[in-house]
Structure formats: structure tokens, C-alpha cells
Amino acid sequence: MNQDTTKLSRRNFFKAGTVLASGVAIASALTPYDGLLFAAESPGAKGKWYGIGIDINKCIGCGKCANACKQENNVPKDPFYFRSWVEQYTIKNDGSILVESPSGGVNGFTQSVPDNEIYKSFFVPKMCNHCAKSPCTQVCPVGATFETEEGIVLVDEKYCIGCRYCVQACPYGCRYIHPEKGTADKCTLCFHRLKHGLQPACFEICPTEARIFGDLNDPGSKLNYFLKNHNCMVVKPHLNTGSKLFYNALSPEVR
């Protein structure tokens, strides 16, 4: 009895998802590209306006991105401090969902669920969404968290008082308090590398090119090409944060 109920529930769930996806497709077809659904709008500046794309279909869960981020940015080696990490989603045949991220995926993954119990499984890289309307920036009482003219959200350690307001405000869990400095820390998109014309470390090392980085204001950028040719969405679009982290093949189970 319970098994039949679970199957029916899952069937209805995916049917509803199909209807939603159809609605999104119709909306996208009727809307010009510069009004891309869920896309963050540039504040009108003519300069660079950086965004991020991740193709979930290409991610193999190798964890090289998370490891490169730790090394490049001197992130504490402890297994619970990350600027970038990877999660493994396993949907079981009974409809339950298992989300795992051992050591942030730095050392890769080992599937803990027997193959005959798996409905589907995939990897989802996570990092700061560099929101255009970032909640973390809005709650900072001293202006330590700020946004550059290129749309990158950063933290000025000299001003940060470690109050944790921004950590609590981030709906994506992308911030932490540095255990030694006592200040907020997060992904900077390797801003120090961008200034020298280099890509962020996690993008440069990805063996499958699952990560795409580029200028949203440049019609010819790889990121805009990616967005035009894939059905991309952001995590938690209902929060209206102006997220600039776009995923291809984003499943509704991802939160």
C-alpha cells in the first residue's frame, strides 16, 4: 500500500514538474533574451558584469574545483570551511532524497546507496551566487560586505566585525566566520586572478568544463552562449536575490 502511494506521489510530482517546465519554456519563448527568466539585470553600467554558469550534466563529482579553491584562497583545511563545494544528490526508488558532501567533495565521492535502490543521482557544485540584490550586503551594519562595479560581492576584512549577520542572511549557506581571523569569509570569484586576466581557480581546473564564467554584458561571451542554448535556472528563484549563478539541468530537489 505504501509503495503504491509513493509511486503515485512521485508520478504526480514529475507531472507537475513537466507542466511547470512547459510554462517556463513558453515564458522564455515569449520574452526577449535580455529579459531572461530569473536572470539578474545589470544596473545599467556598460562595463563588465560577471556571472556564472554550471552544467550539472557535465559535473562528475571529482571535487577538483573545491580542492583548487581551498589551495588558491588559503581556506582553512578543516572539513567544514568552504568557499566552493560539491553536493551529491541521490534520489531513491522510494522517493526519498539523500544529499551528501563529505569534506565538501574535495576528495571525490563514493556512492553509499546500492545501485538497485537508486532512481537517479547527480552532482551539484555550490558557491556564492554573487547576487545582484544580495541579502548579505543589505544586512551588514558596517559596510564591510560590498559589491564591486563588476557585480562581485566581497568582504573587506578591515571593516568586518564578525557579527555573523551576513552568514545568517545568506540563503545559500555560502558564508562562514574564519576561525583565525574572526571575520566573514566567502567566494570572491578569485578577484585577485581576474585583475590579471585569469579565470577563477575552480573554473580553470574543471576537467569537463562544467563551469562557465563570463561577462553578462558581453553578447559574445561563453556565458551568454551557454544561457542562450540551455534551459538555465537559479536556486531558490522565489527569494528574488538576483542570483547570477545559473544552472543547466537543475532538478527541483536541489535547494
Protein backbone atom coordinates (compact mmCIF):
# COMPACT_ATOMS: atom_id res chain seq x y z
CA MET A 1 0.00 0.00 0.00
CA ASN A 2 2.73 2.45 0.99
CA GLN A 3 4.83 1.54 -2.06
CA ASP A 4 1.96 2.23 -4.47
CA THR A 5 1.25 5.53 -2.75
CA THR A 6 4.89 6.56 -3.08
CA LYS A 7 4.98 5.75 -6.78
CA LEU A 8 1.80 7.69 -7.41
CA SER A 9 3.11 10.63 -5.46
CA ARG A 10 6.36 10.65 -7.40
CA ARG A 11 4.49 10.33 -10.70
CA ASN A 12 2.29 13.31 -9.85
CA PHE A 13 5.35 15.22 -8.72
CA PHE A 14 7.15 14.80 -12.04
CA LYS A 15 3.91 15.50 -13.93
CA ALA A 16 3.63 18.81 -12.08
CA GLY A 17 7.29 19.50 -12.85
CA THR A 18 6.66 18.90 -16.53
CA VAL A 19 3.80 21.38 -16.52
CA LEU A 20 5.99 23.94 -14.76
CA ALA A 21 8.83 23.38 -17.22
CA SER A 22 6.42 23.85 -20.12
CA GLY A 23 5.28 27.11 -18.61
CA VAL A 24 8.87 28.27 -18.26
CA ALA A 25 9.59 27.33 -21.88
CA ILE A 26 6.56 29.28 -23.09
CA ALA A 27 7.50 32.28 -20.99
CA SER A 28 11.06 32.17 -22.33
CA ALA A 29 9.81 31.93 -25.90
CA LEU A 30 7.61 34.97 -25.47
CA THR A 31 10.25 37.02 -23.68
CA PRO A 32 13.30 38.54 -25.42
CA TYR A 33 16.68 37.33 -24.19
CA ASP A 34 17.57 40.48 -22.29
CA GLY A 35 14.64 39.69 -20.01
CA LEU A 36 15.78 36.08 -19.44
CA LEU A 37 13.68 34.39 -16.79
CA PHE A 38 15.31 34.62 -13.36
CA ALA A 39 18.36 36.41 -14.80
CA ALA A 40 19.92 39.21 -12.80
CA GLU A 41 19.68 42.55 -14.52
CA SER A 42 22.75 44.72 -14.82
CA PRO A 43 22.48 48.09 -13.02
CA GLY A 44 22.95 49.79 -16.37
CA ALA A 45 26.73 50.04 -16.34
CA LYS A 46 28.49 49.43 -19.64
CA GLY A 47 31.44 47.65 -18.05
CA LYS A 48 31.82 44.00 -17.16
CA TRP A 49 29.01 42.33 -15.20
CA TYR A 50 30.19 38.89 -14.19
CA GLY A 51 28.01 35.82 -13.93
CA ILE A 52 28.45 32.07 -13.51
CA GLY A 53 27.08 29.04 -15.32
CA ILE A 54 27.21 25.42 -14.18
CA ASP A 55 26.20 22.46 -16.34
CA ILE A 56 25.05 19.77 -13.92
CA ASN A 57 25.01 17.24 -16.75
CA LYS A 58 28.78 17.62 -17.10
CA CYS A 59 29.78 17.55 -13.41
CA ILE A 60 31.44 14.23 -12.48
CA GLY A 61 31.92 14.98 -8.79
CA CYS A 62 35.73 14.87 -8.94
CA GLY A 63 35.98 17.65 -6.34
CA LYS A 64 38.93 19.31 -8.07
CA CYS A 65 37.10 22.65 -8.01
CA ALA A 66 36.64 22.56 -4.23
CA ASN A 67 40.23 21.49 -3.69
CA ALA A 68 41.62 24.17 -6.02
CA CYS A 69 39.57 26.82 -4.23
CA LYS A 70 41.00 25.83 -0.85
CA GLN A 71 44.55 25.94 -2.10
CA GLU A 72 44.23 29.14 -4.13
CA ASN A 73 42.49 31.14 -1.39
CA ASN A 74 44.06 29.66 1.75
CA VAL A 75 40.70 28.42 3.00
CA PRO A 76 41.08 26.55 6.34
CA LYS A 77 41.75 22.86 5.76
CA ASP A 78 39.10 21.81 8.25
CA PRO A 79 36.34 19.78 6.50
CA PHE A 80 33.61 22.32 7.25
CA TYR A 81 35.03 25.56 5.81
CA PHE A 82 34.42 26.07 2.11
CA ARG A 83 34.11 28.83 -0.44
CA SER A 84 33.20 26.26 -3.07
CA TRP A 85 31.94 22.72 -2.58
CA VAL A 86 30.07 19.90 -4.33
CA GLU A 87 26.94 18.04 -3.23
CA GLN A 88 25.81 14.61 -4.38
CA TYR A 89 22.05 14.16 -4.73
CA THR A 90 20.71 10.61 -4.72
CA ILE A 91 17.01 10.08 -5.39
CA LYS A 92 15.98 6.63 -4.19
CA ASN A 93 13.29 4.41 -5.69
CA ASP A 94 11.12 5.02 -2.63
CA GLY A 95 11.13 8.75 -3.34
CA SER A 96 13.47 9.75 -0.51
CA ILE A 97 16.37 12.11 -1.16
CA LEU A 98 19.90 11.75 0.18
CA VAL A 99 22.26 14.73 -0.02
CA GLU A 100 25.92 14.10 0.78
CA SER A 101 29.02 16.27 0.68
CA PRO A 102 31.87 14.54 2.54
CA SER A 103 34.63 17.10 3.13
CA GLY A 104 32.86 19.32 0.62
CA GLY A 105 33.67 16.85 -2.13
CA VAL A 106 37.38 17.71 -2.01
CA ASN A 107 38.32 14.04 -2.17
CA GLY A 108 35.59 13.00 -4.59
CA PHE A 109 32.62 10.76 -3.82
CA THR A 110 31.77 7.15 -3.11
CA GLN A 111 28.13 6.20 -3.64
CA SER A 112 26.70 4.98 -0.32
CA VAL A 113 23.40 3.72 -1.79
CA PRO A 114 23.19 0.34 -3.59
CA ASP A 115 22.61 0.68 -7.34
CA ASN A 116 19.33 -1.24 -7.21
CA GLU A 117 17.88 1.37 -4.82
CA ILE A 118 18.81 4.42 -6.91
CA TYR A 119 16.29 6.18 -9.13
CA LYS A 120 18.81 8.83 -10.21
CA SER A 121 21.93 10.52 -8.89
CA PHE A 122 23.84 13.68 -9.84
CA PHE A 123 26.35 16.22 -8.56
CA VAL A 124 25.72 19.92 -7.89
CA PRO A 125 28.64 22.35 -7.38
CA LYS A 126 27.82 25.14 -4.96
CA MET A 127 29.40 28.56 -4.39
CA CYS A 128 28.47 32.18 -3.76
CA ASN A 129 25.70 33.29 -6.15
CA HIS A 130 27.09 36.86 -6.27
CA CYS A 131 23.54 38.16 -6.15
CA ALA A 132 22.63 41.50 -7.69
CA LYS A 133 20.36 42.11 -4.69
CA SER A 134 22.44 40.27 -2.11
CA PRO A 135 20.84 39.88 1.34
CA CYS A 136 24.30 39.70 2.92
CA THR A 137 25.18 43.16 1.65
CA GLN A 138 21.93 44.61 2.89
CA VAL A 139 22.30 43.42 6.50
CA CYS A 140 25.97 44.32 7.07
CA PRO A 141 25.91 47.04 9.77
CA VAL A 142 29.35 48.46 8.95
CA GLY A 143 29.50 48.18 5.16
CA ALA A 144 32.19 45.51 5.21
CA THR A 145 30.29 43.44 2.67
CA PHE A 146 30.07 45.28 -0.63
CA GLU A 147 29.63 44.79 -4.35
CA THR A 148 32.22 45.76 -6.95
CA GLU A 149 31.26 47.53 -10.17
CA GLU A 150 31.68 44.17 -11.94
CA GLY A 151 28.96 42.61 -9.77
CA ILE A 152 31.22 40.61 -7.45
CA VAL A 153 30.27 40.50 -3.76
CA LEU A 154 33.31 40.85 -1.49
CA VAL A 155 34.16 41.30 2.20
CA ASP A 156 36.58 43.93 3.48
CA GLU A 157 38.33 42.25 6.42
CA LYS A 158 39.48 45.61 7.78
CA TYR A 159 35.89 46.66 8.44
CA CYS A 160 34.24 43.31 9.26
CA ILE A 161 33.40 42.93 12.96
CA GLY A 162 32.41 39.26 12.74
CA CYS A 163 28.80 39.88 13.80
CA ARG A 164 27.58 36.94 11.64
CA TYR A 165 24.59 38.87 10.29
CA CYS A 166 25.67 38.17 6.71
CA VAL A 167 26.22 34.47 7.48
CA GLN A 168 22.65 34.20 8.71
CA ALA A 169 21.24 36.30 5.86
CA CYS A 170 22.75 34.25 3.03
CA PRO A 171 20.01 31.83 1.89
CA TYR A 172 22.54 29.63 0.09
CA GLY A 173 24.86 28.85 3.02
CA CYS A 174 27.86 30.37 1.26
CA ARG A 175 29.47 32.24 4.16
CA TYR A 176 31.35 31.32 7.30
CA ILE A 177 33.38 33.03 10.01
CA HIS A 178 37.09 32.43 9.52
CA PRO A 179 38.31 30.55 12.62
CA GLU A 180 41.57 32.52 12.84
CA LYS A 181 40.64 35.95 11.54
CA GLY A 182 37.20 36.12 13.15
CA THR A 183 35.78 37.81 10.05
CA ALA A 184 33.28 36.70 7.42
CA ASP A 185 34.72 34.75 4.50
CA LYS A 186 33.27 33.63 1.16
CA CYS A 187 33.93 33.07 -2.54
CA THR A 188 35.46 36.09 -4.25
CA LEU A 189 35.45 34.59 -7.75
CA CYS A 190 39.21 34.75 -7.28
CA PHE A 191 39.06 38.51 -7.76
CA HIS A 192 42.85 38.66 -7.44
CA ARG A 193 43.12 36.44 -10.53
CA LEU A 194 40.51 38.35 -12.55
CA LYS A 195 42.56 41.52 -12.22
CA HIS A 196 45.35 39.76 -14.11
CA GLY A 197 43.11 38.36 -16.84
CA LEU A 198 42.93 34.87 -15.33
CA GLN A 199 39.88 32.72 -14.63
CA PRO A 200 38.83 31.74 -11.11
CA ALA A 201 40.77 28.67 -9.96
CA CYS A 202 37.72 26.39 -9.79
CA PHE A 203 36.78 27.19 -13.39
CA GLU A 204 40.28 26.76 -14.75
CA ILE A 205 40.75 23.30 -13.23
CA CYS A 206 37.37 21.74 -14.12
CA PRO A 207 38.21 18.74 -16.38
CA THR A 208 34.78 18.61 -18.06
CA GLU A 209 34.20 22.37 -18.45
CA ALA A 210 31.07 22.08 -16.34
CA ARG A 211 31.74 25.61 -15.08
CA ILE A 212 31.34 28.63 -17.33
CA PHE A 213 32.40 32.11 -16.28
CA GLY A 214 31.87 35.30 -18.20
CA ASP A 215 30.54 38.78 -18.74
CA LEU A 216 26.75 39.02 -18.87
CA ASN A 217 27.08 42.39 -20.61
CA ASP A 218 29.03 40.81 -23.49
CA PRO A 219 26.64 39.20 -26.02
CA GLY A 220 29.51 37.13 -27.38
CA SER A 221 30.74 35.72 -24.07
CA LYS A 222 30.80 31.97 -23.40
CA LEU A 223 28.38 32.50 -20.53
CA ASN A 224 25.77 34.19 -22.70
CA TYR A 225 26.17 31.45 -25.30
CA PHE A 226 25.62 28.90 -22.54
CA LEU A 227 22.49 30.67 -21.27
CA LYS A 228 21.02 31.00 -24.75
CA ASN A 229 21.46 27.33 -25.57
CA HIS A 230 20.36 25.75 -22.31
CA ASN A 231 17.32 25.87 -20.07
CA CYS A 232 19.07 27.53 -17.14
CA MET A 233 17.61 28.42 -13.78
CA VAL A 234 18.82 29.63 -10.39
CA VAL A 235 18.40 28.05 -6.97
CA LYS A 236 15.54 29.47 -4.89
CA PRO A 237 14.29 31.95 -7.52
CA HIS A 238 11.34 32.90 -5.29
CA LEU A 239 13.72 34.77 -2.97
CA ASN A 240 14.39 37.33 -5.74
CA THR A 241 18.04 37.84 -4.78
CA GLY A 242 19.13 38.48 -8.34
CA SER A 243 21.35 35.41 -8.31
CA LYS A 244 23.99 35.33 -11.05
CA LEU A 245 24.72 31.60 -10.66
CA PHE A 246 22.84 29.79 -13.42
CA TYR A 247 22.43 26.00 -13.59
CA ASN A 248 21.63 23.84 -16.57
CA ALA A 249 19.60 20.69 -15.76
CA LEU A 250 18.68 21.94 -12.29
CA SER A 251 16.37 19.40 -10.62
CA PRO A 252 13.60 20.54 -8.25
CA GLU A 253 15.19 18.52 -5.44
CA VAL A 254 18.12 20.93 -5.26
CA ARG A 255 17.83 23.52 -2.52
